[in-house]
Amino acid sequence: MKKTIYGLFFGDSITYGEYDGVFGGWVDILKRYALQKYNEGNSNELILFNLGIGGETTEGLVRRIPHEMAARNSAEGNMVFLGYGANDLAVKDGTQMVHPESFKKNILTALHEAKKYTDDIYLISILPFSKNVDGVVVASGKRRTNEDVLVYNQILTDIALENACSYIDFYKAYSADKEVLLSADGVHPNEKGYGMMAEIAIPIIEKYL
């Protein structure tokens, strides 16, 4: 018997799909893929919610995840994706938006909330930044470094291991070709980058179809 399963994608502008005027970002590609499979008539109905908010840090995640999870809960199954860190690690006016210790605490708080509804939780790595913006204060006043990306990704890796979550390593996939996969701002993927993220994520959602 077919099930209706919800997938909740929490995150920032990279989850939302900013700077992709072609496909609408990796989550939207997954949404279309799941709908196509369902319309072919031989799979579960997988309803994916893009809950990405541009500029959001884990502070915002902690505030809204209890309400979002309660509002979008399928009795037949849920999965949760958390894609944070690119804003948390940014330094603005000399202060890091969310320090590593607080970042870890916030992710663990969000996990605790999500686990009330599902054990299928995926932590998403932070992407590397282009060499043009690594350590540079950009127009938004934020400065990000690839050195910090490694620190925050290690936190995510450790949390995934210690809490029986899955870790999606987009960072590793980007490392060799980041200058080709990132948009002109050096932070967000371009359509090619988003397409590659979707290719990596499709086998994950196929397990639920």
Protein backbone atom coordinates (compact mmCIF):
# COMPACT_ATOMS: atom_id res chain seq x y z
CA MET A 1 0.00 0.00 0.00
CA LYS A 2 1.31 3.40 -0.98
CA LYS A 3 2.27 5.87 1.72
CA THR A 4 2.41 9.65 1.91
CA ILE A 5 5.79 10.70 3.27
CA TYR A 6 6.83 14.26 4.06
CA GLY A 7 10.35 15.60 3.57
CA LEU A 8 11.18 18.83 5.39
CA PHE A 9 14.21 20.75 4.16
CA PHE A 10 15.35 23.35 6.70
CA GLY A 11 18.15 25.69 5.79
CA ASP A 12 19.32 29.03 4.44
CA SER A 13 19.41 30.50 0.92
CA ILE A 14 21.27 27.45 -0.45
CA THR A 15 18.35 25.25 0.62
CA TYR A 16 15.95 27.85 -0.80
CA GLY A 17 17.78 27.76 -4.13
CA GLU A 18 18.93 31.36 -4.46
CA TYR A 19 20.89 32.29 -7.61
CA ASP A 20 19.41 29.43 -9.62
CA GLY A 21 17.13 30.96 -12.22
CA VAL A 22 17.02 27.74 -14.24
CA PHE A 23 16.01 24.89 -11.91
CA GLY A 24 15.05 26.76 -8.71
CA GLY A 25 17.71 24.98 -6.61
CA TRP A 26 18.43 21.40 -5.59
CA VAL A 27 15.35 20.93 -3.39
CA ASP A 28 13.02 22.00 -6.20
CA ILE A 29 14.72 19.51 -8.54
CA LEU A 30 14.02 16.78 -5.96
CA LYS A 31 10.40 17.90 -5.67
CA ARG A 32 9.89 17.55 -9.42
CA TYR A 33 11.65 14.19 -9.45
CA ALA A 34 9.45 12.80 -6.63
CA LEU A 35 6.28 14.09 -8.30
CA GLN A 36 7.24 12.55 -11.62
CA LYS A 37 7.82 9.17 -9.96
CA TYR A 38 4.46 9.39 -8.16
CA ASN A 39 2.65 10.33 -11.38
CA GLU A 40 4.15 7.28 -13.06
CA GLY A 41 2.00 5.35 -10.60
CA ASN A 42 4.42 3.00 -8.90
CA SER A 43 5.77 4.87 -5.89
CA ASN A 44 4.87 6.39 -2.56
CA GLU A 45 3.79 10.03 -2.58
CA LEU A 46 6.75 12.04 -1.38
CA ILE A 47 5.79 15.61 -0.51
CA LEU A 48 8.86 17.80 -0.09
CA PHE A 49 8.71 21.16 1.69
CA ASN A 50 11.41 23.71 0.91
CA LEU A 51 11.74 25.53 4.24
CA GLY A 52 14.92 27.43 3.38
CA ILE A 53 15.13 31.08 4.48
CA GLY A 54 17.87 33.31 3.10
CA GLY A 55 20.29 34.52 5.75
CA GLU A 56 19.00 32.22 8.48
CA THR A 57 21.32 30.80 11.13
CA THR A 58 20.71 27.93 13.54
CA GLU A 59 19.29 30.51 15.98
CA GLY A 60 16.32 30.88 13.61
CA LEU A 61 16.10 27.13 13.12
CA VAL A 62 15.76 26.50 16.85
CA ARG A 63 12.96 29.06 17.09
CA ARG A 64 10.86 27.68 14.26
CA ILE A 65 11.47 23.94 14.03
CA PRO A 66 8.92 22.99 16.75
CA HIS A 67 6.16 24.85 14.86
CA GLU A 68 7.20 23.70 11.38
CA MET A 69 7.42 20.05 12.45
CA ALA A 70 4.03 20.16 14.15
CA ALA A 71 2.43 21.79 11.09
CA ARG A 72 3.94 19.35 8.58
CA ASN A 73 3.82 15.90 10.08
CA SER A 74 2.76 12.84 8.08
CA ALA A 75 1.45 9.92 10.11
CA GLU A 76 2.95 7.62 7.46
CA GLY A 77 6.52 8.89 7.63
CA ASN A 78 8.76 11.94 7.72
CA MET A 79 12.33 12.84 6.90
CA VAL A 80 14.18 15.97 7.92
CA PHE A 81 17.14 17.70 6.28
CA LEU A 82 19.16 20.39 8.09
CA GLY A 83 21.42 22.61 5.98
CA TYR A 84 23.08 25.26 8.13
CA GLY A 85 26.41 26.87 8.84
CA ALA A 86 27.27 29.24 5.98
CA ASN A 87 25.64 32.12 7.87
CA ASP A 88 26.50 30.89 11.36
CA LEU A 89 30.24 31.01 10.66
CA ALA A 90 30.13 34.44 8.99
CA VAL A 91 31.85 37.29 10.82
CA LYS A 92 30.09 40.66 10.76
CA ASP A 93 31.35 43.79 12.52
CA GLY A 94 34.05 41.69 14.14
CA THR A 95 31.64 39.17 15.66
CA GLN A 96 30.88 35.65 14.49
CA MET A 97 27.15 35.26 13.91
CA VAL A 98 26.96 31.93 15.83
CA HIS A 99 30.05 30.59 17.59
CA PRO A 100 30.96 26.90 17.08
CA GLU A 101 29.81 25.90 20.59
CA SER A 102 26.42 27.56 20.07
CA PHE A 103 26.15 26.09 16.58
CA LYS A 104 26.63 22.61 18.03
CA LYS A 105 24.08 23.24 20.77
CA ASN A 106 21.52 24.58 18.28
CA ILE A 107 21.90 21.62 15.91
CA LEU A 108 21.48 19.21 18.83
CA THR A 109 18.36 21.10 19.96
CA ALA A 110 16.92 20.86 16.44
CA LEU A 111 17.74 17.13 16.32
CA HIS A 112 15.94 16.57 19.60
CA GLU A 113 12.86 18.30 18.18
CA ALA A 114 12.96 16.44 14.86
CA LYS A 115 13.38 13.07 16.60
CA LYS A 116 9.92 13.49 18.12
CA TYR A 117 8.63 12.83 14.60
CA THR A 118 11.25 10.74 12.80
CA ASP A 119 14.60 8.98 13.01
CA ASP A 120 15.32 9.82 9.37
CA ILE A 121 17.42 12.95 9.80
CA TYR A 122 20.09 14.21 7.41
CA LEU A 123 22.74 16.79 8.24
CA ILE A 124 24.07 18.67 5.22
CA SER A 125 27.66 19.89 4.96
CA ILE A 126 28.54 23.52 4.36
CA LEU A 127 29.90 24.20 0.88
CA PRO A 128 33.39 25.62 0.30
CA PHE A 129 33.65 29.27 -0.73
CA SER A 130 35.32 30.57 -3.86
CA LYS A 131 38.92 31.73 -3.44
CA ASN A 132 37.72 35.22 -4.46
CA VAL A 133 35.63 35.63 -1.29
CA ASP A 134 37.60 33.44 1.16
CA GLY A 135 38.45 35.79 4.03
CA VAL A 136 37.08 38.84 2.19
CA VAL A 137 34.47 41.25 3.58
CA VAL A 138 31.73 41.26 0.92
CA ALA A 139 28.96 43.80 0.19
CA SER A 140 26.73 42.38 2.94
CA GLY A 141 29.47 43.18 5.47
CA LYS A 142 30.08 39.48 6.12
CA ARG A 143 33.43 37.72 6.00
CA ARG A 144 33.63 33.96 5.59
CA THR A 145 36.65 31.63 5.49
CA ASN A 146 37.13 28.09 4.22
CA GLU A 147 39.08 27.44 7.41
CA ASP A 148 35.89 27.98 9.41
CA VAL A 149 33.95 25.75 7.02
CA LEU A 150 36.19 22.84 8.04
CA VAL A 151 35.59 23.55 11.75
CA TYR A 152 31.79 23.70 11.40
CA ASN A 153 31.62 20.70 9.05
CA GLN A 154 33.57 18.68 11.62
CA ILE A 155 30.95 19.58 14.21
CA LEU A 156 28.22 18.35 11.85
CA THR A 157 30.14 15.15 11.09
CA ASP A 158 30.63 14.41 14.79
CA ILE A 159 26.98 15.09 15.62
CA ALA A 160 25.85 12.78 12.80
CA LEU A 161 28.09 9.97 14.08
CA GLU A 162 27.08 10.40 17.71
CA ASN A 163 23.34 10.67 17.01
CA ALA A 164 22.78 8.04 14.31
CA CYS A 165 22.04 10.65 11.63
CA SER A 166 23.18 10.65 8.02
CA TYR A 167 25.69 13.23 6.76
CA ILE A 168 25.46 14.49 3.18
CA ASP A 169 28.94 15.61 2.17
CA PHE A 170 28.37 18.21 -0.54
CA TYR A 171 31.63 19.86 0.56
CA LYS A 172 33.69 16.91 -0.64
CA ALA A 173 31.81 16.82 -3.94
CA TYR A 174 32.49 20.54 -4.51
CA SER A 175 36.12 20.72 -3.41
CA ALA A 176 37.83 19.98 -6.72
CA ASP A 177 35.52 22.03 -8.95
CA LYS A 178 34.15 24.74 -6.67
CA GLU A 179 35.07 27.60 -9.03
CA VAL A 180 32.90 25.98 -11.72
CA LEU A 181 30.00 25.08 -9.41
CA LEU A 182 29.64 28.36 -7.50
CA SER A 183 27.88 31.47 -8.76
CA ALA A 184 29.57 34.85 -9.21
CA ASP A 185 29.11 35.72 -5.52
CA GLY A 186 31.40 32.84 -4.54
CA VAL A 187 29.00 31.55 -1.87
CA HIS A 188 25.89 30.21 -3.61
CA PRO A 189 25.91 27.41 -6.19
CA ASN A 190 25.05 28.14 -9.80
CA GLU A 191 22.59 25.94 -11.71
CA LYS A 192 25.35 23.41 -12.42
CA GLY A 193 26.23 23.25 -8.72
CA TYR A 194 22.61 22.85 -7.64
CA GLY A 195 22.15 20.15 -10.29
CA MET A 196 25.06 18.19 -8.86
CA MET A 197 23.64 18.48 -5.33
CA ALA A 198 20.34 17.07 -6.59
CA GLU A 199 22.15 14.16 -8.28
CA ILE A 200 23.79 13.28 -4.96
CA ALA A 201 20.48 13.58 -3.06
CA ILE A 202 18.23 11.66 -5.49
CA PRO A 203 19.46 8.20 -4.33
CA ILE A 204 18.60 9.27 -0.77
CA ILE A 205 14.99 10.16 -1.53
CA GLU A 206 14.62 7.12 -3.79
CA LYS A 207 14.74 4.97 -0.67
CA TYR A 208 11.36 6.45 0.30
CA LEU A 209 9.66 6.21 -3.10
